[in-house]
Amino acid sequence: MHATLTHLPSPLLGVQIDTGSIISALIYSAIGIVLFALAFFVIVKIAPFSIRKEIEEDQNTSLGIIIGAVILGISMIISSAVQG
């Protein structure tokens, strides 16, 4: 069972807000953002070329698509790990 810190009354429809769930969501969101930034930093460091230069200056569209797919993949993995 999930322990709750307190319930706050909400003016909308008399709904109770679980502050424990809100705090947990904020913590997991912060952890997910840090892990995402770390993973992207590692990708940039292990690439044998400058990703920024290839995408911005050389207009390498295919690399942009690949990096976008990697970003989506990392995001899905972190999301699944956070949800359990």
PDB file of N, CA and C in Angstrom:
ATOM      1  N   MET A   1       0.841  -1.175   0.000  1.00  0.00           N
ATOM      2  CA  MET A   1       0.000   0.000   0.000  1.00  0.00           C
ATOM      3  C   MET A   1       0.882   1.231   0.000  1.00  0.00           C
ATOM      4  N   HIS A   2       0.400   2.263  -0.657  1.00  0.00           N
ATOM      5  CA  HIS A   2       1.130   3.518  -0.736  1.00  0.00           C
ATOM      6  C   HIS A   2       0.726   4.411   0.430  1.00  0.00           C
ATOM      7  N   ALA A   3       1.699   4.816   1.213  1.00  0.00           N
ATOM      8  CA  ALA A   3       1.424   5.706   2.343  1.00  0.00           C
ATOM      9  C   ALA A   3       1.251   7.127   1.839  1.00  0.00           C
ATOM     10  N   THR A   4       0.243   7.796   2.325  1.00  0.00           N
ATOM     11  CA  THR A   4       0.013   9.174   1.917  1.00  0.00           C
ATOM     12  C   THR A   4       0.401  10.106   3.044  1.00  0.00           C
ATOM     13  N   LEU A   5       0.916  11.261   2.665  1.00  0.00           N
ATOM     14  CA  LEU A   5       1.286  12.251   3.669  1.00  0.00           C
ATOM     15  C   LEU A   5       0.053  12.944   4.221  1.00  0.00           C
ATOM     16  N   THR A   6      -0.777  13.447   3.329  1.00  0.00           N
ATOM     17  CA  THR A   6      -1.996  14.131   3.741  1.00  0.00           C
ATOM     18  C   THR A   6      -2.900  14.279   2.530  1.00  0.00           C
ATOM     19  N   HIS A   7      -4.133  14.515   2.774  1.00  0.00           N
ATOM     20  CA  HIS A   7      -5.084  14.791   1.703  1.00  0.00           C
ATOM     21  C   HIS A   7      -5.506  16.244   1.819  1.00  0.00           C
ATOM     22  N   LEU A   8      -5.453  16.949   0.694  1.00  0.00           N
ATOM     23  CA  LEU A   8      -5.886  18.341   0.672  1.00  0.00           C
ATOM     24  C   LEU A   8      -7.225  18.434  -0.030  1.00  0.00           C
ATOM     25  N   PRO A   9      -8.170  19.163   0.535  1.00  0.00           N
ATOM     26  CA  PRO A   9      -9.451  19.319  -0.161  1.00  0.00           C
ATOM     27  C   PRO A   9      -9.281  20.203  -1.388  1.00  0.00           C
ATOM     28  N   SER A  10      -9.934  19.825  -2.459  1.00  0.00           N
ATOM     29  CA  SER A  10      -9.886  20.599  -3.693  1.00  0.00           C
ATOM     30  C   SER A  10     -11.225  21.284  -3.896  1.00  0.00           C
ATOM     31  N   PRO A  11     -11.210  22.537  -4.343  1.00  0.00           N
ATOM     32  CA  PRO A  11     -12.482  23.225  -4.566  1.00  0.00           C
ATOM     33  C   PRO A  11     -13.268  22.662  -5.748  1.00  0.00           C
ATOM     34  N   LEU A  12     -12.624  21.851  -6.587  1.00  0.00           N
ATOM     35  CA  LEU A  12     -13.284  21.288  -7.760  1.00  0.00           C
ATOM     36  C   LEU A  12     -13.949  19.962  -7.419  1.00  0.00           C
ATOM     37  N   LEU A  13     -15.245  19.931  -7.407  1.00  0.00           N
ATOM     38  CA  LEU A  13     -16.036  18.712  -7.231  1.00  0.00           C
ATOM     39  C   LEU A  13     -15.735  17.953  -5.941  1.00  0.00           C
ATOM     40  N   GLY A  14     -15.153  18.593  -4.962  1.00  0.00           N
ATOM     41  CA  GLY A  14     -14.868  17.931  -3.700  1.00  0.00           C
ATOM     42  C   GLY A  14     -13.853  16.812  -3.810  1.00  0.00           C
ATOM     43  N   VAL A  15     -12.944  16.883  -4.751  1.00  0.00           N
ATOM     44  CA  VAL A  15     -11.949  15.838  -4.979  1.00  0.00           C
ATOM     45  C   VAL A  15     -10.801  16.008  -3.992  1.00  0.00           C
ATOM     46  N   GLN A  16     -10.333  14.905  -3.439  1.00  0.00           N
ATOM     47  CA  GLN A  16      -9.189  14.926  -2.538  1.00  0.00           C
ATOM     48  C   GLN A  16      -7.907  14.790  -3.361  1.00  0.00           C
ATOM     49  N   ILE A  17      -6.909  15.605  -3.063  1.00  0.00           N
ATOM     50  CA  ILE A  17      -5.620  15.547  -3.752  1.00  0.00           C
ATOM     51  C   ILE A  17      -4.627  14.847  -2.835  1.00  0.00           C
ATOM     52  N   ASP A  18      -4.004  13.794  -3.339  1.00  0.00           N
ATOM     53  CA  ASP A  18      -3.030  13.030  -2.569  1.00  0.00           C
ATOM     54  C   ASP A  18      -1.655  13.672  -2.740  1.00  0.00           C
ATOM     55  N   THR A  19      -1.183  14.383  -1.720  1.00  0.00           N
ATOM     56  CA  THR A  19       0.101  15.077  -1.833  1.00  0.00           C
ATOM     57  C   THR A  19       1.272  14.103  -1.910  1.00  0.00           C
ATOM     58  N   GLY A  20       1.128  12.918  -1.355  1.00  0.00           N
ATOM     59  CA  GLY A  20       2.187  11.916  -1.462  1.00  0.00           C
ATOM     60  C   GLY A  20       2.420  11.506  -2.902  1.00  0.00           C
ATOM     61  N   SER A  21       1.341  11.361  -3.659  1.00  0.00           N
ATOM     62  CA  SER A  21       1.466  11.007  -5.070  1.00  0.00           C
ATOM     63  C   SER A  21       2.086  12.143  -5.868  1.00  0.00           C
ATOM     64  N   ILE A  22       1.739  13.368  -5.516  1.00  0.00           N
ATOM     65  CA  ILE A  22       2.306  14.523  -6.217  1.00  0.00           C
ATOM     66  C   ILE A  22       3.807  14.607  -5.960  1.00  0.00           C
ATOM     67  N   ILE A  23       4.205  14.409  -4.715  1.00  0.00           N
ATOM     68  CA  ILE A  23       5.630  14.451  -4.380  1.00  0.00           C
ATOM     69  C   ILE A  23       6.374  13.320  -5.079  1.00  0.00           C
ATOM     70  N   SER A  24       5.796  12.127  -5.098  1.00  0.00           N
ATOM     71  CA  SER A  24       6.421  10.994  -5.791  1.00  0.00           C
ATOM     72  C   SER A  24       6.575  11.281  -7.277  1.00  0.00           C
ATOM     73  N   ALA A  25       5.548  11.854  -7.884  1.00  0.00           N
ATOM     74  CA  ALA A  25       5.614  12.183  -9.308  1.00  0.00           C
ATOM     75  C   ALA A  25       6.708  13.203  -9.586  1.00  0.00           C
ATOM     76  N   LEU A  26       6.844  14.199  -8.725  1.00  0.00           N
ATOM     77  CA  LEU A  26       7.893  15.205  -8.909  1.00  0.00           C
ATOM     78  C   LEU A  26       9.288  14.596  -8.765  1.00  0.00           C
ATOM     79  N   ILE A  27       9.450  13.708  -7.796  1.00  0.00           N
ATOM     80  CA  ILE A  27      10.750  13.058  -7.600  1.00  0.00           C
ATOM     81  C   ILE A  27      11.095  12.175  -8.794  1.00  0.00           C
ATOM     82  N   TYR A  28      10.135  11.344  -9.233  1.00  0.00           N
ATOM     83  CA  TYR A  28      10.392  10.479 -10.380  1.00  0.00           C
ATOM     84  C   TYR A  28      10.622  11.286 -11.654  1.00  0.00           C
ATOM     85  N   SER A  29       9.941  12.402 -11.804  1.00  0.00           N
ATOM     86  CA  SER A  29      10.162  13.262 -12.967  1.00  0.00           C
ATOM     87  C   SER A  29      11.578  13.818 -12.962  1.00  0.00           C
ATOM     88  N   ALA A  30      12.039  14.265 -11.810  1.00  0.00           N
ATOM     89  CA  ALA A  30      13.399  14.801 -11.703  1.00  0.00           C
ATOM     90  C   ALA A  30      14.436  13.721 -12.003  1.00  0.00           C
ATOM     91  N   ILE A  31      14.219  12.526 -11.468  1.00  0.00           N
ATOM     92  CA  ILE A  31      15.143  11.419 -11.735  1.00  0.00           C
ATOM     93  C   ILE A  31      15.152  11.089 -13.224  1.00  0.00           C
ATOM     94  N   GLY A  32      13.977  11.059 -13.847  1.00  0.00           N
ATOM     95  CA  GLY A  32      13.888  10.771 -15.277  1.00  0.00           C
ATOM     96  C   GLY A  32      14.599  11.806 -16.124  1.00  0.00           C
ATOM     97  N   ILE A  33      14.452  13.078 -15.777  1.00  0.00           N
ATOM     98  CA  ILE A  33      15.110  14.140 -16.537  1.00  0.00           C
ATOM     99  C   ILE A  33      16.626  14.038 -16.395  1.00  0.00           C
ATOM    100  N   VAL A  34      17.102  13.754 -15.191  1.00  0.00           N
ATOM    101  CA  VAL A  34      18.545  13.612 -14.977  1.00  0.00           C
ATOM    102  C   VAL A  34      19.083  12.419 -15.764  1.00  0.00           C
ATOM    103  N   LEU A  35      18.390  11.286 -15.724  1.00  0.00           N
ATOM    104  CA  LEU A  35      18.831  10.107 -16.483  1.00  0.00           C
ATOM    105  C   LEU A  35      18.823  10.370 -17.981  1.00  0.00           C
ATOM    106  N   PHE A  36      17.806  11.090 -18.464  1.00  0.00           N
ATOM    107  CA  PHE A  36      17.734  11.422 -19.882  1.00  0.00           C
ATOM    108  C   PHE A  36      18.911  12.310 -20.281  1.00  0.00           C
ATOM    109  N   ALA A  37      19.196  13.334 -19.478  1.00  0.00           N
ATOM    110  CA  ALA A  37      20.314  14.232 -19.781  1.00  0.00           C
ATOM    111  C   ALA A  37      21.637  13.473 -19.761  1.00  0.00           C
ATOM    112  N   LEU A  38      21.799  12.574 -18.802  1.00  0.00           N
ATOM    113  CA  LEU A  38      23.015  11.773 -18.717  1.00  0.00           C
ATOM    114  C   LEU A  38      23.170  10.873 -19.943  1.00  0.00           C
ATOM    115  N   ALA A  39      22.094  10.220 -20.356  1.00  0.00           N
ATOM    116  CA  ALA A  39      22.147   9.345 -21.533  1.00  0.00           C
ATOM    117  C   ALA A  39      22.478  10.143 -22.792  1.00  0.00           C
ATOM    118  N   PHE A  40      21.877  11.314 -22.942  1.00  0.00           N
ATOM    119  CA  PHE A  40      22.152  12.125 -24.126  1.00  0.00           C
ATOM    120  C   PHE A  40      23.589  12.641 -24.103  1.00  0.00           C
ATOM    121  N   PHE A  41      24.101  12.992 -22.919  1.00  0.00           N
ATOM    122  CA  PHE A  41      25.487  13.429 -22.782  1.00  0.00           C
ATOM    123  C   PHE A  41      26.442  12.312 -23.205  1.00  0.00           C
ATOM    124  N   VAL A  42      26.154  11.085 -22.798  1.00  0.00           N
ATOM    125  CA  VAL A  42      26.994   9.944 -23.171  1.00  0.00           C
ATOM    126  C   VAL A  42      26.966   9.739 -24.684  1.00  0.00           C
ATOM    127  N   ILE A  43      25.797   9.860 -25.295  1.00  0.00           N
ATOM    128  CA  ILE A  43      25.690   9.703 -26.751  1.00  0.00           C
ATOM    129  C   ILE A  43      26.535  10.741 -27.469  1.00  0.00           C
ATOM    130  N   VAL A  44      26.475  11.985 -27.017  1.00  0.00           N
ATOM    131  CA  VAL A  44      27.252  13.059 -27.647  1.00  0.00           C
ATOM    132  C   VAL A  44      28.745  12.805 -27.485  1.00  0.00           C
ATOM    133  N   LYS A  45      29.156  12.309 -26.326  1.00  0.00           N
ATOM    134  CA  LYS A  45      30.585  12.073 -26.074  1.00  0.00           C
ATOM    135  C   LYS A  45      31.138  10.877 -26.844  1.00  0.00           C
ATOM    136  N   ILE A  46      30.338   9.835 -27.066  1.00  0.00           N
ATOM    137  CA  ILE A  46      30.876   8.659 -27.757  1.00  0.00           C
ATOM    138  C   ILE A  46      30.782   8.773 -29.273  1.00  0.00           C
ATOM    139  N   ALA A  47      30.070   9.763 -29.776  1.00  0.00           N
ATOM    140  CA  ALA A  47      29.973   9.945 -31.226  1.00  0.00           C
ATOM    141  C   ALA A  47      31.336  10.386 -31.764  1.00  0.00           C
ATOM    142  N   PRO A  48      31.786   9.794 -32.874  1.00  0.00           N
ATOM    143  CA  PRO A  48      33.104  10.153 -33.418  1.00  0.00           C
ATOM    144  C   PRO A  48      33.106  11.485 -34.177  1.00  0.00           C
ATOM    145  N   PHE A  49      32.006  12.205 -34.148  1.00  0.00           N
ATOM    146  CA  PHE A  49      31.888  13.487 -34.846  1.00  0.00           C
ATOM    147  C   PHE A  49      31.018  14.410 -34.016  1.00  0.00           C
ATOM    148  N   SER A  50      30.997  15.684 -34.373  1.00  0.00           N
ATOM    149  CA  SER A  50      30.176  16.653 -33.659  1.00  0.00           C
ATOM    150  C   SER A  50      28.735  16.551 -34.156  1.00  0.00           C
ATOM    151  N   ILE A  51      27.854  16.119 -33.278  1.00  0.00           N
ATOM    152  CA  ILE A  51      26.447  15.980 -33.652  1.00  0.00           C
ATOM    153  C   ILE A  51      25.855  17.338 -33.982  1.00  0.00           C
ATOM    154  N   ARG A  52      26.187  18.353 -33.187  1.00  0.00           N
ATOM    155  CA  ARG A  52      25.672  19.696 -33.437  1.00  0.00           C
ATOM    156  C   ARG A  52      26.105  20.206 -34.805  1.00  0.00           C
ATOM    157  N   LYS A  53      27.391  20.031 -35.150  1.00  0.00           N
ATOM    158  CA  LYS A  53      27.897  20.497 -36.444  1.00  0.00           C
ATOM    159  C   LYS A  53      27.222  19.761 -37.593  1.00  0.00           C
ATOM    160  N   GLU A  54      27.088  18.460 -37.455  1.00  0.00           N
ATOM    161  CA  GLU A  54      26.474  17.665 -38.524  1.00  0.00           C
ATOM    162  C   GLU A  54      25.029  18.079 -38.781  1.00  0.00           C
ATOM    163  N   ILE A  55      24.268  18.330 -37.718  1.00  0.00           N
ATOM    164  CA  ILE A  55      22.853  18.663 -37.889  1.00  0.00           C
ATOM    165  C   ILE A  55      22.673  20.120 -38.289  1.00  0.00           C
ATOM    166  N   GLU A  56      23.346  21.044 -37.597  1.00  0.00           N
ATOM    167  CA  GLU A  56      23.125  22.467 -37.848  1.00  0.00           C
ATOM    168  C   GLU A  56      23.853  22.974 -39.084  1.00  0.00           C
ATOM    169  N   GLU A  57      25.155  22.737 -39.160  1.00  0.00           N
ATOM    170  CA  GLU A  57      25.942  23.330 -40.238  1.00  0.00           C
ATOM    171  C   GLU A  57      25.883  22.520 -41.528  1.00  0.00           C
ATOM    172  N   ASP A  58      25.983  21.200 -41.416  1.00  0.00           N
ATOM    173  CA  ASP A  58      26.002  20.358 -42.613  1.00  0.00           C
ATOM    174  C   ASP A  58      24.609  19.928 -43.061  1.00  0.00           C
ATOM    175  N   GLN A  59      23.576  20.309 -42.297  1.00  0.00           N
ATOM    176  CA  GLN A  59      22.182  19.991 -42.630  1.00  0.00           C
ATOM    177  C   GLN A  59      21.968  18.489 -42.845  1.00  0.00           C
ATOM    178  N   ASN A  60      22.532  17.679 -41.962  1.00  0.00           N
ATOM    179  CA  ASN A  60      22.422  16.227 -42.060  1.00  0.00           C
ATOM    180  C   ASN A  60      21.066  15.789 -41.491  1.00  0.00           C
ATOM    181  N   THR A  61      20.071  15.715 -42.366  1.00  0.00           N
ATOM    182  CA  THR A  61      18.707  15.383 -41.954  1.00  0.00           C
ATOM    183  C   THR A  61      18.607  13.966 -41.393  1.00  0.00           C
ATOM    184  N   SER A  62      19.324  13.040 -41.995  1.00  0.00           N
ATOM    185  CA  SER A  62      19.234  11.654 -41.527  1.00  0.00           C
ATOM    186  C   SER A  62      19.762  11.514 -40.101  1.00  0.00           C
ATOM    187  N   LEU A  63      20.814  12.239 -39.762  1.00  0.00           N
ATOM    188  CA  LEU A  63      21.314  12.197 -38.390  1.00  0.00           C
ATOM    189  C   LEU A  63      20.300  12.817 -37.437  1.00  0.00           C
ATOM    190  N   GLY A  64      19.632  13.866 -37.865  1.00  0.00           N
ATOM    191  CA  GLY A  64      18.590  14.477 -37.040  1.00  0.00           C
ATOM    192  C   GLY A  64      17.462  13.503 -36.749  1.00  0.00           C
ATOM    193  N   ILE A  65      17.078  12.728 -37.759  1.00  0.00           N
ATOM    194  CA  ILE A  65      16.025  11.725 -37.577  1.00  0.00           C
ATOM    195  C   ILE A  65      16.490  10.630 -36.615  1.00  0.00           C
ATOM    196  N   ILE A  66      17.735  10.197 -36.766  1.00  0.00           N
ATOM    197  CA  ILE A  66      18.270   9.158 -35.886  1.00  0.00           C
ATOM    198  C   ILE A  66      18.350   9.651 -34.444  1.00  0.00           C
ATOM    199  N   ILE A  67      18.836  10.876 -34.246  1.00  0.00           N
ATOM    200  CA  ILE A  67      18.923  11.433 -32.893  1.00  0.00           C
ATOM    201  C   ILE A  67      17.521  11.578 -32.297  1.00  0.00           C
ATOM    202  N   GLY A  68      16.552  11.994 -33.107  1.00  0.00           N
ATOM    203  CA  GLY A  68      15.170  12.082 -32.634  1.00  0.00           C
ATOM    204  C   GLY A  68      14.636  10.727 -32.193  1.00  0.00           C
ATOM    205  N   ALA A  69      14.949   9.683 -32.962  1.00  0.00           N
ATOM    206  CA  ALA A  69      14.516   8.333 -32.598  1.00  0.00           C
ATOM    207  C   ALA A  69      15.193   7.866 -31.309  1.00  0.00           C
ATOM    208  N   VAL A  70      16.463   8.197 -31.158  1.00  0.00           N
ATOM    209  CA  VAL A  70      17.182   7.840 -29.931  1.00  0.00           C
ATOM    210  C   VAL A  70      16.561   8.548 -28.729  1.00  0.00           C
ATOM    211  N   ILE A  71      16.221   9.832 -28.894  1.00  0.00           N
ATOM    212  CA  ILE A  71      15.588  10.586 -27.814  1.00  0.00           C
ATOM    213  C   ILE A  71      14.262   9.940 -27.418  1.00  0.00           C
ATOM    214  N   LEU A  72      13.445   9.571 -28.404  1.00  0.00           N
ATOM    215  CA  LEU A  72      12.169   8.909 -28.105  1.00  0.00           C
ATOM    216  C   LEU A  72      12.388   7.568 -27.406  1.00  0.00           C
ATOM    217  N   GLY A  73      13.367   6.802 -27.875  1.00  0.00           N
ATOM    218  CA  GLY A  73      13.657   5.506 -27.270  1.00  0.00           C
ATOM    219  C   GLY A  73      14.102   5.626 -25.824  1.00  0.00           C
ATOM    220  N   ILE A  74      15.018   6.551 -25.562  1.00  0.00           N
ATOM    221  CA  ILE A  74      15.485   6.759 -24.188  1.00  0.00           C
ATOM    222  C   ILE A  74      14.327   7.204 -23.305  1.00  0.00           C
ATOM    223  N   SER A  75      13.489   8.089 -23.829  1.00  0.00           N
ATOM    224  CA  SER A  75      12.341   8.575 -23.054  1.00  0.00           C
ATOM    225  C   SER A  75      11.384   7.440 -22.706  1.00  0.00           C
ATOM    226  N   MET A  76      11.129   6.541 -23.655  1.00  0.00           N
ATOM    227  CA  MET A  76      10.228   5.414 -23.389  1.00  0.00           C
ATOM    228  C   MET A  76      10.816   4.456 -22.360  1.00  0.00           C
ATOM    229  N   ILE A  77      12.119   4.217 -22.441  1.00  0.00           N
ATOM    230  CA  ILE A  77      12.768   3.323 -21.480  1.00  0.00           C
ATOM    231  C   ILE A  77      12.692   3.908 -20.075  1.00  0.00           C
ATOM    232  N   ILE A  78      12.997   5.199 -19.945  1.00  0.00           N
ATOM    233  CA  ILE A  78      12.947   5.843 -18.628  1.00  0.00           C
ATOM    234  C   ILE A  78      11.517   5.869 -18.104  1.00  0.00           C
ATOM    235  N   SER A  79      10.554   6.149 -18.974  1.00  0.00           N
ATOM    236  CA  SER A  79       9.147   6.175 -18.567  1.00  0.00           C
ATOM    237  C   SER A  79       8.701   4.804 -18.057  1.00  0.00           C
ATOM    238  N   SER A  80       9.086   3.753 -18.760  1.00  0.00           N
ATOM    239  CA  SER A  80       8.723   2.399 -18.324  1.00  0.00           C
ATOM    240  C   SER A  80       9.379   2.048 -16.994  1.00  0.00           C
ATOM    241  N   ALA A  81      10.618   2.463 -16.817  1.00  0.00           N
ATOM    242  CA  ALA A  81      11.320   2.176 -15.568  1.00  0.00           C
ATOM    243  C   ALA A  81      10.681   2.911 -14.395  1.00  0.00           C
ATOM    244  N   VAL A  82      10.247   4.141 -14.618  1.00  0.00           N
ATOM    245  CA  VAL A  82       9.630   4.922 -13.548  1.00  0.00           C
ATOM    246  C   VAL A  82       8.266   4.351 -13.179  1.00  0.00           C
ATOM    247  N   GLN A  83       7.500   3.912 -14.181  1.00  0.00           N
ATOM    248  CA  GLN A  83       6.164   3.372 -13.923  1.00  0.00           C
ATOM    249  C   GLN A  83       6.211   2.002 -13.263  1.00  0.00           C
ATOM    250  N   GLY A  84       7.305   1.298 -13.455  1.00  0.00           N
ATOM    251  CA  GLY A  84       7.463   0.010 -12.793  1.00  0.00           C
ATOM    252  C   GLY A  84       6.989  -1.091 -13.573  1.00  0.00           C
TER     253      GLY A  84
END
